[in-house]
N, C-alpha and C. Protein backbone atom coordinates (compact mmCIF):
# COMPACT_ATOMS: atom_id res chain seq x y z
N MET A 1 85.06 -109.12 -90.69
CA MET A 1 84.51 -110.07 -89.73
C MET A 1 84.83 -109.62 -88.30
N GLY A 2 86.02 -109.08 -88.08
CA GLY A 2 86.43 -108.63 -86.75
C GLY A 2 85.55 -107.52 -86.22
N ARG A 3 85.18 -106.57 -87.10
CA ARG A 3 84.31 -105.47 -86.66
C ARG A 3 82.94 -105.98 -86.27
N MET A 4 82.45 -106.96 -87.01
CA MET A 4 81.13 -107.53 -86.71
C MET A 4 81.16 -108.21 -85.35
N MET A 5 82.20 -108.96 -85.07
CA MET A 5 82.32 -109.65 -83.77
C MET A 5 82.45 -108.64 -82.64
N ASP A 6 83.18 -107.55 -82.88
CA ASP A 6 83.30 -106.50 -81.87
C ASP A 6 81.93 -105.88 -81.57
N ARG A 7 81.15 -105.64 -82.62
CA ARG A 7 79.81 -105.06 -82.46
C ARG A 7 78.90 -106.02 -81.70
N ILE A 8 78.95 -107.29 -82.03
CA ILE A 8 78.13 -108.29 -81.34
C ILE A 8 78.50 -108.36 -79.86
N GLU A 9 79.78 -108.32 -79.58
CA GLU A 9 80.24 -108.35 -78.19
C GLU A 9 79.78 -107.10 -77.45
N GLN A 10 79.86 -105.96 -78.09
CA GLN A 10 79.42 -104.71 -77.48
C GLN A 10 77.92 -104.75 -77.17
N ILE A 11 77.15 -105.25 -78.10
CA ILE A 11 75.70 -105.36 -77.89
C ILE A 11 75.40 -106.31 -76.75
N SER A 12 76.06 -107.45 -76.71
CA SER A 12 75.78 -108.44 -75.68
C SER A 12 76.08 -107.91 -74.28
N ARG A 13 77.06 -107.02 -74.17
CA ARG A 13 77.37 -106.43 -72.87
C ARG A 13 76.30 -105.44 -72.43
N ARG A 14 75.64 -104.79 -73.40
CA ARG A 14 74.66 -103.75 -73.09
C ARG A 14 73.22 -104.27 -73.05
N LEU A 15 72.99 -105.42 -73.65
CA LEU A 15 71.65 -105.99 -73.73
C LEU A 15 71.22 -106.52 -72.38
N LYS A 16 69.98 -106.20 -71.99
CA LYS A 16 69.47 -106.63 -70.70
C LYS A 16 68.26 -107.54 -70.90
N LEU A 17 68.21 -108.59 -70.13
CA LEU A 17 67.09 -109.53 -70.22
C LEU A 17 65.76 -108.81 -69.96
N ARG A 18 65.76 -107.86 -69.04
CA ARG A 18 64.54 -107.11 -68.72
C ARG A 18 64.01 -106.39 -69.96
N GLN A 19 64.91 -105.82 -70.75
CA GLN A 19 64.49 -105.13 -71.97
C GLN A 19 63.80 -106.09 -72.92
N LEU A 20 64.33 -107.30 -73.03
CA LEU A 20 63.74 -108.30 -73.92
C LEU A 20 62.37 -108.74 -73.42
N SER A 21 62.21 -108.88 -72.11
CA SER A 21 60.91 -109.28 -71.57
C SER A 21 59.89 -108.15 -71.75
N VAL A 22 60.33 -106.90 -71.64
CA VAL A 22 59.43 -105.76 -71.89
C VAL A 22 59.03 -105.75 -73.36
N LEU A 23 60.00 -105.95 -74.26
CA LEU A 23 59.68 -106.00 -75.69
C LEU A 23 58.66 -107.10 -75.99
N ALA A 24 58.87 -108.28 -75.43
CA ALA A 24 57.94 -109.39 -75.66
C ALA A 24 56.53 -109.03 -75.18
N ALA A 25 56.43 -108.41 -74.02
CA ALA A 25 55.12 -108.02 -73.48
C ALA A 25 54.46 -106.98 -74.36
N VAL A 26 55.22 -106.00 -74.85
CA VAL A 26 54.66 -104.96 -75.72
C VAL A 26 54.13 -105.58 -77.00
N VAL A 27 54.89 -106.48 -77.60
CA VAL A 27 54.45 -107.11 -78.84
C VAL A 27 53.21 -107.97 -78.60
N GLN A 28 53.19 -108.73 -77.50
CA GLN A 28 52.04 -109.57 -77.20
C GLN A 28 50.79 -108.75 -76.90
N CYS A 29 50.96 -107.65 -76.16
CA CYS A 29 49.82 -106.82 -75.77
C CYS A 29 49.40 -105.85 -76.85
N GLY A 30 50.33 -105.49 -77.74
CA GLY A 30 50.01 -104.55 -78.80
C GLY A 30 49.97 -103.11 -78.35
N SER A 31 50.42 -102.86 -77.13
CA SER A 31 50.38 -101.51 -76.59
C SER A 31 51.36 -101.39 -75.43
N MET A 32 52.02 -100.25 -75.34
CA MET A 32 52.95 -100.05 -74.23
C MET A 32 52.21 -99.89 -72.91
N ALA A 33 51.05 -99.25 -72.94
CA ALA A 33 50.27 -99.07 -71.72
C ALA A 33 49.77 -100.42 -71.19
N LYS A 34 49.27 -101.27 -72.08
CA LYS A 34 48.80 -102.59 -71.64
C LYS A 34 49.95 -103.45 -71.15
N ALA A 35 51.10 -103.34 -71.81
CA ALA A 35 52.28 -104.10 -71.37
C ALA A 35 52.72 -103.62 -69.99
N ALA A 36 52.67 -102.32 -69.77
CA ALA A 36 53.04 -101.77 -68.46
C ALA A 36 52.12 -102.32 -67.37
N GLU A 37 50.86 -102.36 -67.66
CA GLU A 37 49.89 -102.90 -66.69
C GLU A 37 50.17 -104.37 -66.43
N ARG A 38 50.40 -105.11 -67.46
CA ARG A 38 50.70 -106.55 -67.34
C ARG A 38 51.97 -106.81 -66.53
N LEU A 39 52.98 -105.95 -66.72
CA LEU A 39 54.25 -106.12 -66.03
C LEU A 39 54.29 -105.42 -64.67
N ALA A 40 53.23 -104.71 -64.34
CA ALA A 40 53.12 -103.96 -63.09
C ALA A 40 54.23 -102.91 -62.96
N ILE A 41 54.45 -102.20 -64.08
CA ILE A 41 55.39 -101.08 -64.09
C ILE A 41 54.69 -99.92 -64.80
N THR A 42 55.31 -98.75 -64.79
CA THR A 42 54.68 -97.61 -65.45
C THR A 42 54.98 -97.60 -66.94
N GLN A 43 54.13 -96.90 -67.68
CA GLN A 43 54.31 -96.81 -69.13
C GLN A 43 55.62 -96.10 -69.50
N PRO A 44 56.03 -95.04 -68.77
CA PRO A 44 57.33 -94.44 -69.11
C PRO A 44 58.51 -95.41 -68.94
N VAL A 45 58.42 -96.33 -67.99
CA VAL A 45 59.48 -97.33 -67.81
C VAL A 45 59.52 -98.26 -69.02
N VAL A 46 58.35 -98.63 -69.51
CA VAL A 46 58.27 -99.47 -70.72
C VAL A 46 58.86 -98.73 -71.91
N SER A 47 58.45 -97.49 -72.09
CA SER A 47 58.96 -96.69 -73.22
C SER A 47 60.48 -96.56 -73.16
N LYS A 48 61.02 -96.32 -71.98
CA LYS A 48 62.47 -96.17 -71.83
C LYS A 48 63.19 -97.49 -72.13
N ALA A 49 62.65 -98.60 -71.66
CA ALA A 49 63.26 -99.91 -71.92
C ALA A 49 63.31 -100.18 -73.42
N ILE A 50 62.22 -99.87 -74.11
CA ILE A 50 62.17 -100.09 -75.57
C ILE A 50 63.15 -99.15 -76.27
N ALA A 51 63.16 -97.88 -75.87
CA ALA A 51 64.07 -96.91 -76.48
C ALA A 51 65.53 -97.31 -76.26
N ASP A 52 65.85 -97.74 -75.05
CA ASP A 52 67.22 -98.18 -74.75
C ASP A 52 67.61 -99.39 -75.59
N LEU A 53 66.68 -100.33 -75.73
CA LEU A 53 66.95 -101.53 -76.53
C LEU A 53 67.16 -101.16 -78.00
N GLU A 54 66.29 -100.30 -78.53
CA GLU A 54 66.44 -99.87 -79.92
C GLU A 54 67.76 -99.13 -80.12
N ASN A 55 68.12 -98.32 -79.14
CA ASN A 55 69.38 -97.58 -79.22
C ASN A 55 70.57 -98.53 -79.19
N THR A 56 70.52 -99.51 -78.31
CA THR A 56 71.61 -100.50 -78.22
C THR A 56 71.78 -101.26 -79.52
N LEU A 57 70.67 -101.67 -80.11
CA LEU A 57 70.73 -102.46 -81.34
C LEU A 57 70.90 -101.61 -82.58
N GLY A 58 70.59 -100.33 -82.47
CA GLY A 58 70.73 -99.44 -83.61
C GLY A 58 69.66 -99.63 -84.67
N VAL A 59 68.50 -100.10 -84.24
CA VAL A 59 67.40 -100.35 -85.19
C VAL A 59 66.07 -100.13 -84.47
N ARG A 60 65.10 -99.63 -85.20
CA ARG A 60 63.76 -99.45 -84.65
C ARG A 60 63.05 -100.80 -84.66
N LEU A 61 62.55 -101.22 -83.50
CA LEU A 61 61.94 -102.55 -83.37
C LEU A 61 60.43 -102.55 -83.51
N LEU A 62 59.82 -101.41 -83.24
CA LEU A 62 58.36 -101.33 -83.23
C LEU A 62 57.86 -100.23 -84.15
N ASP A 63 56.73 -100.51 -84.80
CA ASP A 63 56.00 -99.47 -85.51
C ASP A 63 54.94 -98.96 -84.55
N ARG A 64 54.97 -97.67 -84.29
CA ARG A 64 54.03 -97.06 -83.36
C ARG A 64 52.95 -96.34 -84.16
N GLY A 65 51.71 -96.52 -83.73
CA GLY A 65 50.60 -95.86 -84.40
C GLY A 65 49.50 -95.54 -83.41
N PRO A 66 48.46 -94.86 -83.87
CA PRO A 66 47.37 -94.47 -82.97
C PRO A 66 46.62 -95.67 -82.37
N LYS A 67 46.72 -96.81 -83.01
CA LYS A 67 46.02 -98.00 -82.51
C LYS A 67 46.93 -98.96 -81.76
N GLY A 68 48.15 -98.51 -81.45
CA GLY A 68 49.06 -99.36 -80.69
C GLY A 68 50.38 -99.54 -81.41
N VAL A 69 51.05 -100.65 -81.08
CA VAL A 69 52.36 -100.93 -81.66
C VAL A 69 52.38 -102.32 -82.28
N GLU A 70 53.24 -102.47 -83.26
CA GLU A 70 53.46 -103.77 -83.89
C GLU A 70 54.96 -103.96 -84.08
N ALA A 71 55.39 -105.20 -84.01
CA ALA A 71 56.80 -105.50 -84.28
C ALA A 71 57.09 -105.19 -85.73
N ARG A 72 58.22 -104.58 -85.96
CA ARG A 72 58.64 -104.28 -87.34
C ARG A 72 59.22 -105.54 -87.97
N LEU A 73 59.01 -105.66 -89.24
CA LEU A 73 59.64 -106.73 -90.01
C LEU A 73 61.02 -106.25 -90.40
N LEU A 74 62.03 -106.92 -89.88
CA LEU A 74 63.41 -106.53 -90.18
C LEU A 74 63.96 -107.48 -91.24
N VAL A 75 64.40 -106.90 -92.34
CA VAL A 75 64.92 -107.68 -93.45
C VAL A 75 66.33 -107.23 -93.73
N ARG A 76 67.22 -108.17 -93.80
CA ARG A 76 68.60 -107.86 -94.11
C ARG A 76 68.82 -108.07 -95.60
N ARG A 77 69.29 -107.04 -96.24
CA ARG A 77 69.58 -107.15 -97.67
C ARG A 77 71.03 -107.50 -97.87
N ARG A 78 71.29 -108.30 -98.87
CA ARG A 78 72.67 -108.70 -99.19
C ARG A 78 73.16 -108.00 -100.39
């Protein structure tokens, strides 16, 4: 339990609200380019925010394909 709490605390220190808002825009728009346009930032900034968030959490959040992106279904197995 202690290791889990340490990991949660570590994530909370590294997690940025901006990354979450970028993730929400990408999921809503279905594309990093469209999300970038909507947020008035460049597509590389969107890609970096998503990559940083995935790295912080240690999990891939989006499925990327030729027709855009979709949120991954994350299932925890017991």
